[in-house]
Amino acid sequence: DCTDPFSVEAVRASMGAIFTQKIVQCRWAEFVEWLRGGPGQLVGTSLQTELDYQDPSYQSPCFILTGNEAQGMPADYAAECDLLVKMPMRGKADSLNAAVATAVMAYEVLNQFRRT
């Protein structure tokens, strides 16, 4: 309820690429029902796991779920994930912002798919 993909800021940040994509909106329960009705792996980013994000072999289609920077993702969302993965941090930072974390995850997933 807090993300507008067509806000001026989002459209500007996407450099207009948002208009080349199909956008669907639904509630969590509807999404989970749809996802579980077909193939698909739900991968969540979390600080509550030791599984490095580069270790799993991701399955296609792969859906990435990223929680909010301050609180992470709700426990019921994490419970629905097929995998919870963590990005190890160097230095004193304890996490990335949600957009950067999602981009890093998307790159890893796509890089694995490219190799197969």
PDB file of N, CA and C in Angstrom:
ATOM      1  N   ASP A   1       0.807  -1.210   0.000  1.00  0.00           N
ATOM      2  CA  ASP A   1       0.000   0.000   0.000  1.00  0.00           C
ATOM      3  C   ASP A   1       0.842   1.262   0.000  1.00  0.00           C
ATOM      4  N   CYS A   2       2.162   1.127  -0.081  1.00  0.00           N
ATOM      5  CA  CYS A   2       2.980   2.333   0.012  1.00  0.00           C
ATOM      6  C   CYS A   2       3.840   2.576  -1.219  1.00  0.00           C
ATOM      7  N   THR A   3       3.663   1.799  -2.262  1.00  0.00           N
ATOM      8  CA  THR A   3       4.487   1.961  -3.455  1.00  0.00           C
ATOM      9  C   THR A   3       3.620   2.303  -4.651  1.00  0.00           C
ATOM     10  N   ASP A   4       3.964   3.365  -5.321  1.00  0.00           N
ATOM     11  CA  ASP A   4       3.253   3.757  -6.535  1.00  0.00           C
ATOM     12  C   ASP A   4       4.236   3.695  -7.697  1.00  0.00           C
ATOM     13  N   PRO A   5       4.144   2.653  -8.543  1.00  0.00           N
ATOM     14  CA  PRO A   5       5.105   2.527  -9.642  1.00  0.00           C
ATOM     15  C   PRO A   5       4.986   3.644 -10.681  1.00  0.00           C
ATOM     16  N   PHE A   6       3.883   4.389 -10.643  1.00  0.00           N
ATOM     17  CA  PHE A   6       3.684   5.464 -11.620  1.00  0.00           C
ATOM     18  C   PHE A   6       3.877   6.856 -11.019  1.00  0.00           C
ATOM     19  N   SER A   7       4.452   6.914  -9.811  1.00  0.00           N
ATOM     20  CA  SER A   7       4.767   8.224  -9.246  1.00  0.00           C
ATOM     21  C   SER A   7       5.839   8.875 -10.108  1.00  0.00           C
ATOM     22  N   VAL A   8       5.901  10.176 -10.058  1.00  0.00           N
ATOM     23  CA  VAL A   8       6.880  10.920 -10.856  1.00  0.00           C
ATOM     24  C   VAL A   8       8.288  10.402 -10.568  1.00  0.00           C
ATOM     25  N   GLU A   9       8.591  10.172  -9.296  1.00  0.00           N
ATOM     26  CA  GLU A   9       9.937   9.731  -8.910  1.00  0.00           C
ATOM     27  C   GLU A   9      10.256   8.349  -9.472  1.00  0.00           C
ATOM     28  N   ALA A  10       9.271   7.424  -9.397  1.00  0.00           N
ATOM     29  CA  ALA A  10       9.497   6.062  -9.898  1.00  0.00           C
ATOM     30  C   ALA A  10       9.661   6.050 -11.413  1.00  0.00           C
ATOM     31  N   VAL A  11       8.831   6.805 -12.109  1.00  0.00           N
ATOM     32  CA  VAL A  11       8.934   6.866 -13.579  1.00  0.00           C
ATOM     33  C   VAL A  11      10.286   7.457 -13.971  1.00  0.00           C
ATOM     34  N   ARG A  12      10.682   8.519 -13.289  1.00  0.00           N
ATOM     35  CA  ARG A  12      11.980   9.147 -13.581  1.00  0.00           C
ATOM     36  C   ARG A  12      13.112   8.165 -13.301  1.00  0.00           C
ATOM     37  N   ALA A  13      13.070   7.479 -12.160  1.00  0.00           N
ATOM     38  CA  ALA A  13      14.137   6.537 -11.803  1.00  0.00           C
ATOM     39  C   ALA A  13      14.218   5.376 -12.789  1.00  0.00           C
ATOM     40  N   SER A  14      13.085   4.964 -13.346  1.00  0.00           N
ATOM     41  CA  SER A  14      13.089   3.858 -14.318  1.00  0.00           C
ATOM     42  C   SER A  14      13.463   4.338 -15.714  1.00  0.00           C
ATOM     43  N   MET A  15      13.608   5.648 -15.877  1.00  0.00           N
ATOM     44  CA  MET A  15      13.909   6.258 -17.178  1.00  0.00           C
ATOM     45  C   MET A  15      12.850   5.863 -18.216  1.00  0.00           C
ATOM     46  N   GLY A  16      11.607   5.710 -17.731  1.00  0.00           N
ATOM     47  CA  GLY A  16      10.496   5.392 -18.620  1.00  0.00           C
ATOM     48  C   GLY A  16      10.310   3.911 -18.890  1.00  0.00           C
ATOM     49  N   ALA A  17      11.237   3.076 -18.422  1.00  0.00           N
ATOM     50  CA  ALA A  17      11.132   1.631 -18.674  1.00  0.00           C
ATOM     51  C   ALA A  17       9.883   1.033 -18.041  1.00  0.00           C
ATOM     52  N   ILE A  18       9.316   1.694 -17.029  1.00  0.00           N
ATOM     53  CA  ILE A  18       8.096   1.209 -16.383  1.00  0.00           C
ATOM     54  C   ILE A  18       6.982   1.009 -17.409  1.00  0.00           C
ATOM     55  N   PHE A  19       6.982   1.808 -18.468  1.00  0.00           N
ATOM     56  CA  PHE A  19       5.923   1.734 -19.472  1.00  0.00           C
ATOM     57  C   PHE A  19       6.090   0.550 -20.420  1.00  0.00           C
ATOM     58  N   THR A  20       7.191  -0.191 -20.287  1.00  0.00           N
ATOM     59  CA  THR A  20       7.406  -1.380 -21.124  1.00  0.00           C
ATOM     60  C   THR A  20       7.052  -2.662 -20.378  1.00  0.00           C
ATOM     61  N   GLN A  21       6.587  -2.528 -19.141  1.00  0.00           N
ATOM     62  CA  GLN A  21       6.323  -3.689 -18.295  1.00  0.00           C
ATOM     63  C   GLN A  21       4.843  -3.805 -17.951  1.00  0.00           C
ATOM     64  N   LYS A  22       4.404  -5.051 -17.742  1.00  0.00           N
ATOM     65  CA  LYS A  22       3.059  -5.265 -17.212  1.00  0.00           C
ATOM     66  C   LYS A  22       3.128  -5.089 -15.701  1.00  0.00           C
ATOM     67  N   ILE A  23       2.217  -4.339 -15.153  1.00  0.00           N
ATOM     68  CA  ILE A  23       2.164  -4.102 -13.709  1.00  0.00           C
ATOM     69  C   ILE A  23       0.849  -4.691 -13.193  1.00  0.00           C
ATOM     70  N   VAL A  24       0.958  -5.496 -12.152  1.00  0.00           N
ATOM     71  CA  VAL A  24      -0.215  -6.113 -11.543  1.00  0.00           C
ATOM     72  C   VAL A  24      -0.226  -5.748 -10.072  1.00  0.00           C
ATOM     73  N   GLN A  25      -1.397  -5.491  -9.552  1.00  0.00           N
ATOM     74  CA  GLN A  25      -1.533  -5.176  -8.128  1.00  0.00           C
ATOM     75  C   GLN A  25      -2.512  -6.153  -7.508  1.00  0.00           C
ATOM     76  N   CYS A  26      -2.154  -6.686  -6.348  1.00  0.00           N
ATOM     77  CA  CYS A  26      -3.062  -7.574  -5.616  1.00  0.00           C
ATOM     78  C   CYS A  26      -2.647  -7.599  -4.150  1.00  0.00           C
ATOM     79  N   ARG A  27      -3.471  -8.153  -3.349  1.00  0.00           N
ATOM     80  CA  ARG A  27      -3.173  -8.323  -1.922  1.00  0.00           C
ATOM     81  C   ARG A  27      -2.286  -9.549  -1.745  1.00  0.00           C
ATOM     82  N   TRP A  28      -1.620  -9.645  -0.601  1.00  0.00           N
ATOM     83  CA  TRP A  28      -0.683 -10.726  -0.323  1.00  0.00           C
ATOM     84  C   TRP A  28      -1.332 -12.098  -0.495  1.00  0.00           C
ATOM     85  N   ALA A  29      -2.499 -12.305   0.072  1.00  0.00           N
ATOM     86  CA  ALA A  29      -3.169 -13.612  -0.012  1.00  0.00           C
ATOM     87  C   ALA A  29      -3.453 -13.993  -1.463  1.00  0.00           C
ATOM     88  N   GLU A  30      -3.855 -13.023  -2.266  1.00  0.00           N
ATOM     89  CA  GLU A  30      -4.112 -13.291  -3.691  1.00  0.00           C
ATOM     90  C   GLU A  30      -2.824 -13.649  -4.420  1.00  0.00           C
ATOM     91  N   PHE A  31      -1.742 -12.953  -4.099  1.00  0.00           N
ATOM     92  CA  PHE A  31      -0.456 -13.243  -4.732  1.00  0.00           C
ATOM     93  C   PHE A  31       0.007 -14.653  -4.394  1.00  0.00           C
ATOM     94  N   VAL A  32      -0.055 -15.021  -3.117  1.00  0.00           N
ATOM     95  CA  VAL A  32       0.403 -16.350  -2.692  1.00  0.00           C
ATOM     96  C   VAL A  32      -0.432 -17.437  -3.366  1.00  0.00           C
ATOM     97  N   GLU A  33      -1.739 -17.252  -3.427  1.00  0.00           N
ATOM     98  CA  GLU A  33      -2.610 -18.232  -4.092  1.00  0.00           C
ATOM     99  C   GLU A  33      -2.222 -18.363  -5.568  1.00  0.00           C
ATOM    100  N   TRP A  34      -2.005 -17.241  -6.241  1.00  0.00           N
ATOM    101  CA  TRP A  34      -1.596 -17.268  -7.648  1.00  0.00           C
ATOM    102  C   TRP A  34      -0.244 -17.960  -7.814  1.00  0.00           C
ATOM    103  N   LEU A  35       0.713 -17.593  -6.971  1.00  0.00           N
ATOM    104  CA  LEU A  35       2.064 -18.156  -7.061  1.00  0.00           C
ATOM    105  C   LEU A  35       2.042 -19.660  -6.857  1.00  0.00           C
ATOM    106  N   ARG A  36       1.329 -20.119  -5.859  1.00  0.00           N
ATOM    107  CA  ARG A  36       1.305 -21.553  -5.533  1.00  0.00           C
ATOM    108  C   ARG A  36       0.461 -22.355  -6.524  1.00  0.00           C
ATOM    109  N   GLY A  37      -0.264 -21.685  -7.402  1.00  0.00           N
ATOM    110  CA  GLY A  37      -1.064 -22.359  -8.411  1.00  0.00           C
ATOM    111  C   GLY A  37      -0.266 -22.738  -9.644  1.00  0.00           C
ATOM    112  N   GLY A  38       1.014 -22.426  -9.673  1.00  0.00           N
ATOM    113  CA  GLY A  38       1.842 -22.727 -10.829  1.00  0.00           C
ATOM    114  C   GLY A  38       3.295 -22.814 -10.416  1.00  0.00           C
ATOM    115  N   PRO A  39       4.186 -22.872 -11.411  1.00  0.00           N
ATOM    116  CA  PRO A  39       5.604 -22.923 -11.062  1.00  0.00           C
ATOM    117  C   PRO A  39       6.061 -21.567 -10.535  1.00  0.00           C
ATOM    118  N   GLY A  40       7.037 -21.593  -9.713  1.00  0.00           N
ATOM    119  CA  GLY A  40       7.578 -20.335  -9.206  1.00  0.00           C
ATOM    120  C   GLY A  40       8.240 -20.528  -7.865  1.00  0.00           C
ATOM    121  N   GLN A  41       9.375 -19.892  -7.710  1.00  0.00           N
ATOM    122  CA  GLN A  41      10.134 -19.940  -6.473  1.00  0.00           C
ATOM    123  C   GLN A  41      10.108 -18.545  -5.859  1.00  0.00           C
ATOM    124  N   LEU A  42       9.725 -18.474  -4.602  1.00  0.00           N
ATOM    125  CA  LEU A  42       9.690 -17.198  -3.888  1.00  0.00           C
ATOM    126  C   LEU A  42      10.926 -17.116  -2.998  1.00  0.00           C
ATOM    127  N   VAL A  43      11.783 -16.139  -3.274  1.00  0.00           N
ATOM    128  CA  VAL A  43      13.032 -15.966  -2.543  1.00  0.00           C
ATOM    129  C   VAL A  43      12.978 -14.649  -1.795  1.00  0.00           C
ATOM    130  N   GLY A  44      13.153 -14.719  -0.494  1.00  0.00           N
ATOM    131  CA  GLY A  44      13.132 -13.520   0.331  1.00  0.00           C
ATOM    132  C   GLY A  44      14.519 -13.144   0.803  1.00  0.00           C
ATOM    133  N   THR A  45      14.780 -11.846   0.884  1.00  0.00           N
ATOM    134  CA  THR A  45      16.033 -11.373   1.470  1.00  0.00           C
ATOM    135  C   THR A  45      15.787 -11.139   2.953  1.00  0.00           C
ATOM    136  N   SER A  46      16.731 -11.594   3.767  1.00  0.00           N
ATOM    137  CA  SER A  46      16.510 -11.536   5.208  1.00  0.00           C
ATOM    138  C   SER A  46      17.830 -11.516   5.956  1.00  0.00           C
ATOM    139  N   LEU A  47      17.829 -10.836   7.083  1.00  0.00           N
ATOM    140  CA  LEU A  47      18.982 -10.906   7.993  1.00  0.00           C
ATOM    141  C   LEU A  47      18.838 -12.089   8.944  1.00  0.00           C
ATOM    142  N   GLN A  48      17.699 -12.778   8.885  1.00  0.00           N
ATOM    143  CA  GLN A  48      17.397 -13.874   9.806  1.00  0.00           C
ATOM    144  C   GLN A  48      17.740 -15.237   9.201  1.00  0.00           C
ATOM    145  N   THR A  49      18.786 -15.306   8.401  1.00  0.00           N
ATOM    146  CA  THR A  49      19.240 -16.555   7.795  1.00  0.00           C
ATOM    147  C   THR A  49      20.743 -16.497   7.631  1.00  0.00           C
ATOM    148  N   GLU A  50      21.351 -17.644   7.457  1.00  0.00           N
ATOM    149  CA  GLU A  50      22.788 -17.688   7.192  1.00  0.00           C
ATOM    150  C   GLU A  50      23.091 -18.072   5.749  1.00  0.00           C
ATOM    151  N   LEU A  51      22.048 -18.339   4.931  1.00  0.00           N
ATOM    152  CA  LEU A  51      22.239 -18.777   3.553  1.00  0.00           C
ATOM    153  C   LEU A  51      22.674 -17.610   2.671  1.00  0.00           C
ATOM    154  N   ASP A  52      23.893 -17.673   2.157  1.00  0.00           N
ATOM    155  CA  ASP A  52      24.434 -16.640   1.286  1.00  0.00           C
ATOM    156  C   ASP A  52      23.646 -16.612  -0.020  1.00  0.00           C
ATOM    157  N   TYR A  53      23.328 -15.435  -0.512  1.00  0.00           N
ATOM    158  CA  TYR A  53      22.499 -15.275  -1.701  1.00  0.00           C
ATOM    159  C   TYR A  53      23.118 -15.878  -2.956  1.00  0.00           C
ATOM    160  N   GLN A  54      24.421 -16.112  -2.977  1.00  0.00           N
ATOM    161  CA  GLN A  54      25.070 -16.696  -4.145  1.00  0.00           C
ATOM    162  C   GLN A  54      25.126 -18.223  -4.092  1.00  0.00           C
ATOM    163  N   ASP A  55      24.738 -18.832  -2.981  1.00  0.00           N
ATOM    164  CA  ASP A  55      24.833 -20.282  -2.845  1.00  0.00           C
ATOM    165  C   ASP A  55      23.717 -21.079  -3.518  1.00  0.00           C
ATOM    166  N   PRO A  56      22.454 -20.680  -3.432  1.00  0.00           N
ATOM    167  CA  PRO A  56      21.394 -21.511  -4.020  1.00  0.00           C
ATOM    168  C   PRO A  56      21.421 -21.484  -5.550  1.00  0.00           C
ATOM    169  N   SER A  57      20.829 -22.512  -6.137  1.00  0.00           N
ATOM    170  CA  SER A  57      20.539 -22.514  -7.574  1.00  0.00           C
ATOM    171  C   SER A  57      19.094 -22.077  -7.706  1.00  0.00           C
ATOM    172  N   TYR A  58      18.867 -20.906  -8.256  1.00  0.00           N
ATOM    173  CA  TYR A  58      17.521 -20.366  -8.358  1.00  0.00           C
ATOM    174  C   TYR A  58      16.761 -21.037  -9.489  1.00  0.00           C
ATOM    175  N   GLN A  59      15.454 -21.194  -9.279  1.00  0.00           N
ATOM    176  CA  GLN A  59      14.588 -21.835 -10.262  1.00  0.00           C
ATOM    177  C   GLN A  59      13.768 -20.772 -10.982  1.00  0.00           C
ATOM    178  N   SER A  60      13.455 -21.066 -12.216  1.00  0.00           N
ATOM    179  CA  SER A  60      12.640 -20.150 -13.012  1.00  0.00           C
ATOM    180  C   SER A  60      11.195 -20.623 -13.035  1.00  0.00           C
ATOM    181  N   PRO A  61      10.251 -19.732 -12.865  1.00  0.00           N
ATOM    182  CA  PRO A  61      10.397 -18.307 -12.590  1.00  0.00           C
ATOM    183  C   PRO A  61      10.731 -18.066 -11.121  1.00  0.00           C
ATOM    184  N   CYS A  62      11.504 -17.045 -10.886  1.00  0.00           N
ATOM    185  CA  CYS A  62      11.941 -16.703  -9.537  1.00  0.00           C
ATOM    186  C   CYS A  62      11.370 -15.333  -9.166  1.00  0.00           C
ATOM    187  N   PHE A  63      10.743 -15.267  -8.022  1.00  0.00           N
ATOM    188  CA  PHE A  63      10.156 -14.030  -7.515  1.00  0.00           C
ATOM    189  C   PHE A  63      10.956 -13.595  -6.295  1.00  0.00           C
ATOM    190  N   ILE A  64      11.402 -12.355  -6.295  1.00  0.00           N
ATOM    191  CA  ILE A  64      12.228 -11.829  -5.212  1.00  0.00           C
ATOM    192  C   ILE A  64      11.366 -10.962  -4.308  1.00  0.00           C
ATOM    193  N   LEU A  65      11.425 -11.251  -3.024  1.00  0.00           N
ATOM    194  CA  LEU A  65      10.662 -10.501  -2.031  1.00  0.00           C
ATOM    195  C   LEU A  65      11.650  -9.810  -1.094  1.00  0.00           C
ATOM    196  N   THR A  66      11.574  -8.492  -1.044  1.00  0.00           N
ATOM    197  CA  THR A  66      12.480  -7.704  -0.211  1.00  0.00           C
ATOM    198  C   THR A  66      11.661  -6.936   0.811  1.00  0.00           C
ATOM    199  N   GLY A  67      12.042  -7.049   2.060  1.00  0.00           N
ATOM    200  CA  GLY A  67      11.342  -6.335   3.123  1.00  0.00           C
ATOM    201  C   GLY A  67      11.788  -4.890   3.211  1.00  0.00           C
ATOM    202  N   ASN A  68      11.176  -4.186   4.117  1.00  0.00           N
ATOM    203  CA  ASN A  68      11.495  -2.780   4.312  1.00  0.00           C
ATOM    204  C   ASN A  68      12.808  -2.638   5.088  1.00  0.00           C
ATOM    205  N   GLU A  69      13.522  -1.537   4.837  1.00  0.00           N
ATOM    206  CA  GLU A  69      14.852  -1.361   5.417  1.00  0.00           C
ATOM    207  C   GLU A  69      14.849  -1.376   6.944  1.00  0.00           C
ATOM    208  N   ALA A  70      13.860  -0.784   7.549  1.00  0.00           N
ATOM    209  CA  ALA A  70      13.851  -0.643   9.006  1.00  0.00           C
ATOM    210  C   ALA A  70      13.411  -1.918   9.727  1.00  0.00           C
ATOM    211  N   GLN A  71      12.372  -2.583   9.212  1.00  0.00           N
ATOM    212  CA  GLN A  71      11.796  -3.711   9.942  1.00  0.00           C
ATOM    213  C   GLN A  71      11.948  -5.057   9.244  1.00  0.00           C
ATOM    214  N   GLY A  72      12.496  -5.079   8.036  1.00  0.00           N
ATOM    215  CA  GLY A  72      12.559  -6.338   7.297  1.00  0.00           C
ATOM    216  C   GLY A  72      11.171  -6.704   6.798  1.00  0.00           C
ATOM    217  N   MET A  73      10.957  -7.986   6.531  1.00  0.00           N
ATOM    218  CA  MET A  73       9.640  -8.386   6.039  1.00  0.00           C
ATOM    219  C   MET A  73       8.828  -9.002   7.166  1.00  0.00           C
ATOM    220  N   PRO A  74       7.517  -8.901   7.085  1.00  0.00           N
ATOM    221  CA  PRO A  74       6.666  -9.503   8.108  1.00  0.00           C
ATOM    222  C   PRO A  74       6.899 -11.021   8.189  1.00  0.00           C
ATOM    223  N   ALA A  75       6.743 -11.581   9.368  1.00  0.00           N
ATOM    224  CA  ALA A  75       6.999 -13.008   9.588  1.00  0.00           C
ATOM    225  C   ALA A  75       6.143 -13.894   8.692  1.00  0.00           C
ATOM    226  N   ASP A  76       4.879 -13.518   8.436  1.00  0.00           N
ATOM    227  CA  ASP A  76       4.031 -14.358   7.585  1.00  0.00           C
ATOM    228  C   ASP A  76       4.508 -14.336   6.137  1.00  0.00           C
ATOM    229  N   TYR A  77       5.117 -13.252   5.697  1.00  0.00           N
ATOM    230  CA  TYR A  77       5.694 -13.199   4.345  1.00  0.00           C
ATOM    231  C   TYR A  77       6.918 -14.108   4.282  1.00  0.00           C
ATOM    232  N   ALA A  78       7.791 -13.997   5.283  1.00  0.00           N
ATOM    233  CA  ALA A  78       9.000 -14.823   5.322  1.00  0.00           C
ATOM    234  C   ALA A  78       8.642 -16.310   5.358  1.00  0.00           C
ATOM    235  N   ALA A  79       7.578 -16.654   6.071  1.00  0.00           N
ATOM    236  CA  ALA A  79       7.161 -18.056   6.178  1.00  0.00           C
ATOM    237  C   ALA A  79       6.727 -18.627   4.833  1.00  0.00           C
ATOM    238  N   GLU A  80       6.254 -17.799   3.932  1.00  0.00           N
ATOM    239  CA  GLU A  80       5.819 -18.262   2.603  1.00  0.00           C
ATOM    240  C   GLU A  80       6.984 -18.445   1.630  1.00  0.00           C
ATOM    241  N   CYS A  81       8.150 -17.913   1.968  1.00  0.00           N
ATOM    242  CA  CYS A  81       9.292 -17.985   1.050  1.00  0.00           C
ATOM    243  C   CYS A  81       9.822 -19.408   0.952  1.00  0.00           C
ATOM    244  N   ASP A  82      10.204 -19.794  -0.253  1.00  0.00           N
ATOM    245  CA  ASP A  82      10.844 -21.085  -0.470  1.00  0.00           C
ATOM    246  C   ASP A  82      12.284 -21.043   0.018  1.00  0.00           C
ATOM    247  N   LEU A  83      12.890 -19.880  -0.067  1.00  0.00           N
ATOM    248  CA  LEU A  83      14.261 -19.658   0.402  1.00  0.00           C
ATOM    249  C   LEU A  83      14.351 -18.284   1.038  1.00  0.00           C
ATOM    250  N   LEU A  84      15.127 -18.187   2.086  1.00  0.00           N
ATOM    251  CA  LEU A  84      15.518 -16.890   2.638  1.00  0.00           C
ATOM    252  C   LEU A  84      17.024 -16.788   2.466  1.00  0.00           C
ATOM    253  N   VAL A  85      17.484 -15.710   1.878  1.00  0.00           N
ATOM    254  CA  VAL A  85      18.908 -15.541   1.629  1.00  0.00           C
ATOM    255  C   VAL A  85      19.390 -14.218   2.211  1.00  0.00           C
ATOM    256  N   LYS A  86      20.692 -14.169   2.431  1.00  0.00           N
ATOM    257  CA  LYS A  86      21.311 -13.005   3.061  1.00  0.00           C
ATOM    258  C   LYS A  86      22.493 -12.545   2.212  1.00  0.00           C
ATOM    259  N   MET A  87      22.677 -11.245   2.144  1.00  0.00           N
ATOM    260  CA  MET A  87      23.838 -10.683   1.458  1.00  0.00           C
ATOM    261  C   MET A  87      24.859 -10.290   2.511  1.00  0.00           C
ATOM    262  N   PRO A  88      26.006 -10.960   2.527  1.00  0.00           N
ATOM    263  CA  PRO A  88      27.003 -10.603   3.551  1.00  0.00           C
ATOM    264  C   PRO A  88      27.505  -9.184   3.335  1.00  0.00           C
ATOM    265  N   MET A  89      27.694  -8.494   4.417  1.00  0.00           N
ATOM    266  CA  MET A  89      28.131  -7.093   4.354  1.00  0.00           C
ATOM    267  C   MET A  89      29.568  -6.982   4.851  1.00  0.00           C
ATOM    268  N   ARG A  90      30.300  -6.085   4.247  1.00  0.00           N
ATOM    269  CA  ARG A  90      31.659  -5.768   4.702  1.00  0.00           C
ATOM    270  C   ARG A  90      31.627  -4.409   5.395  1.00  0.00           C
ATOM    271  N   GLY A  91      32.550  -4.203   6.249  1.00  0.00           N
ATOM    272  CA  GLY A  91      32.617  -2.909   6.923  1.00  0.00           C
ATOM    273  C   GLY A  91      31.575  -2.796   8.018  1.00  0.00           C
ATOM    274  N   LYS A  92      31.127  -1.578   8.273  1.00  0.00           N
ATOM    275  CA  LYS A  92      30.239  -1.334   9.397  1.00  0.00           C
ATOM    276  C   LYS A  92      28.775  -1.289   9.034  1.00  0.00           C
ATOM    277  N   ALA A  93      28.445  -1.261   7.743  1.00  0.00           N
ATOM    278  CA  ALA A  93      27.033  -1.250   7.336  1.00  0.00           C
ATOM    279  C   ALA A  93      26.426  -2.616   7.647  1.00  0.00           C
ATOM    280  N   ASP A  94      25.186  -2.614   8.124  1.00  0.00           N
ATOM    281  CA  ASP A  94      24.551  -3.893   8.437  1.00  0.00           C
ATOM    282  C   ASP A  94      23.539  -4.328   7.387  1.00  0.00           C
ATOM    283  N   SER A  95      23.194  -3.428   6.449  1.00  0.00           N
ATOM    284  CA  SER A  95      22.260  -3.809   5.393  1.00  0.00           C
ATOM    285  C   SER A  95      22.321  -2.795   4.250  1.00  0.00           C
ATOM    286  N   LEU A  96      21.740  -3.202   3.126  1.00  0.00           N
ATOM    287  CA  LEU A  96      21.603  -2.319   1.970  1.00  0.00           C
ATOM    288  C   LEU A  96      20.200  -1.731   1.968  1.00  0.00           C
ATOM    289  N   ASN A  97      19.969  -0.668   1.212  1.00  0.00           N
ATOM    290  CA  ASN A  97      18.584  -0.219   1.118  1.00  0.00           C
ATOM    291  C   ASN A  97      17.825  -1.206   0.236  1.00  0.00           C
ATOM    292  N   ALA A  98      16.510  -1.185   0.310  1.00  0.00           N
ATOM    293  CA  ALA A  98      15.672  -2.193  -0.341  1.00  0.00           C
ATOM    294  C   ALA A  98      15.877  -2.220  -1.853  1.00  0.00           C
ATOM    295  N   ALA A  99      15.977  -1.060  -2.486  1.00  0.00           N
ATOM    296  CA  ALA A  99      16.146  -1.019  -3.944  1.00  0.00           C
ATOM    297  C   ALA A  99      17.474  -1.635  -4.354  1.00  0.00           C
ATOM    298  N   VAL A 100      18.532  -1.321  -3.647  1.00  0.00           N
ATOM    299  CA  VAL A 100      19.852  -1.868  -3.976  1.00  0.00           C
ATOM    300  C   VAL A 100      19.871  -3.378  -3.723  1.00  0.00           C
ATOM    301  N   ALA A 101      19.331  -3.811  -2.605  1.00  0.00           N
ATOM    302  CA  ALA A 101      19.290  -5.245  -2.297  1.00  0.00           C
ATOM    303  C   ALA A 101      18.523  -6.009  -3.373  1.00  0.00           C
ATOM    304  N   THR A 102      17.406  -5.467  -3.818  1.00  0.00           N
ATOM    305  CA  THR A 102      16.607  -6.120  -4.854  1.00  0.00           C
ATOM    306  C   THR A 102      17.371  -6.169  -6.167  1.00  0.00           C
ATOM    307  N   ALA A 103      18.061  -5.096  -6.507  1.00  0.00           N
ATOM    308  CA  ALA A 103      18.846  -5.067  -7.746  1.00  0.00           C
ATOM    309  C   ALA A 103      19.977  -6.094  -7.704  1.00  0.00           C
ATOM    310  N   VAL A 104      20.654  -6.203  -6.577  1.00  0.00           N
ATOM    311  CA  VAL A 104      21.737  -7.189  -6.432  1.00  0.00           C
ATOM    312  C   VAL A 104      21.174  -8.597  -6.578  1.00  0.00           C
ATOM    313  N   MET A 105      20.045  -8.860  -5.936  1.00  0.00           N
ATOM    314  CA  MET A 105      19.400 -10.180  -6.044  1.00  0.00           C
ATOM    315  C   MET A 105      18.985 -10.469  -7.483  1.00  0.00           C
ATOM    316  N   ALA A 106      18.353  -9.505  -8.138  1.00  0.00           N
ATOM    317  CA  ALA A 106      17.895  -9.704  -9.516  1.00  0.00           C
ATOM    318  C   ALA A 106      19.087 -10.010 -10.423  1.00  0.00           C
ATOM    319  N   TYR A 107      20.188  -9.318 -10.226  1.00  0.00           N
ATOM    320  CA  TYR A 107      21.370  -9.571 -11.043  1.00  0.00           C
ATOM    321  C   TYR A 107      21.882 -10.990 -10.815  1.00  0.00           C
ATOM    322  N   GLU A 108      21.934 -11.438  -9.579  1.00  0.00           N
ATOM    323  CA  GLU A 108      22.409 -12.799  -9.284  1.00  0.00           C
ATOM    324  C   GLU A 108      21.508 -13.844  -9.929  1.00  0.00           C
ATOM    325  N   VAL A 109      20.207 -13.678  -9.787  1.00  0.00           N
ATOM    326  CA  VAL A 109      19.254 -14.628 -10.379  1.00  0.00           C
ATOM    327  C   VAL A 109      19.407 -14.642 -11.903  1.00  0.00           C
ATOM    328  N   LEU A 110      19.399 -13.488 -12.531  1.00  0.00           N
ATOM    329  CA  LEU A 110      19.525 -13.419 -13.987  1.00  0.00           C
ATOM    330  C   LEU A 110      20.874 -13.941 -14.464  1.00  0.00           C
ATOM    331  N   ASN A 111      21.927 -13.698 -13.711  1.00  0.00           N
ATOM    332  CA  ASN A 111      23.246 -14.203 -14.073  1.00  0.00           C
ATOM    333  C   ASN A 111      23.249 -15.731 -14.051  1.00  0.00           C
ATOM    334  N   GLN A 112      22.613 -16.319 -13.063  1.00  0.00           N
ATOM    335  CA  GLN A 112      22.533 -17.789 -13.015  1.00  0.00           C
ATOM    336  C   GLN A 112      21.722 -18.309 -14.194  1.00  0.00           C
ATOM    337  N   PHE A 113      20.601 -17.676 -14.506  1.00  0.00           N
ATOM    338  CA  PHE A 113      19.765 -18.120 -15.635  1.00  0.00           C
ATOM    339  C   PHE A 113      20.534 -17.988 -16.954  1.00  0.00           C
ATOM    340  N   ARG A 114      21.343 -16.961 -17.067  1.00  0.00           N
ATOM    341  CA  ARG A 114      22.119 -16.739 -18.291  1.00  0.00           C
ATOM    342  C   ARG A 114      23.103 -17.886 -18.539  1.00  0.00           C
ATOM    343  N   ARG A 115      23.634 -18.453 -17.464  1.00  0.00           N
ATOM    344  CA  ARG A 115      24.624 -19.520 -17.590  1.00  0.00           C
ATOM    345  C   ARG A 115      24.017 -20.877 -17.925  1.00  0.00           C
ATOM    346  N   THR A 116      22.695 -21.015 -17.757  1.00  0.00           N
ATOM    347  CA  THR A 116      22.092 -22.341 -17.998  1.00  0.00           C
ATOM    348  C   THR A 116      21.479 -22.430 -19.372  1.00  0.00           C
TER     349      THR A 116
END
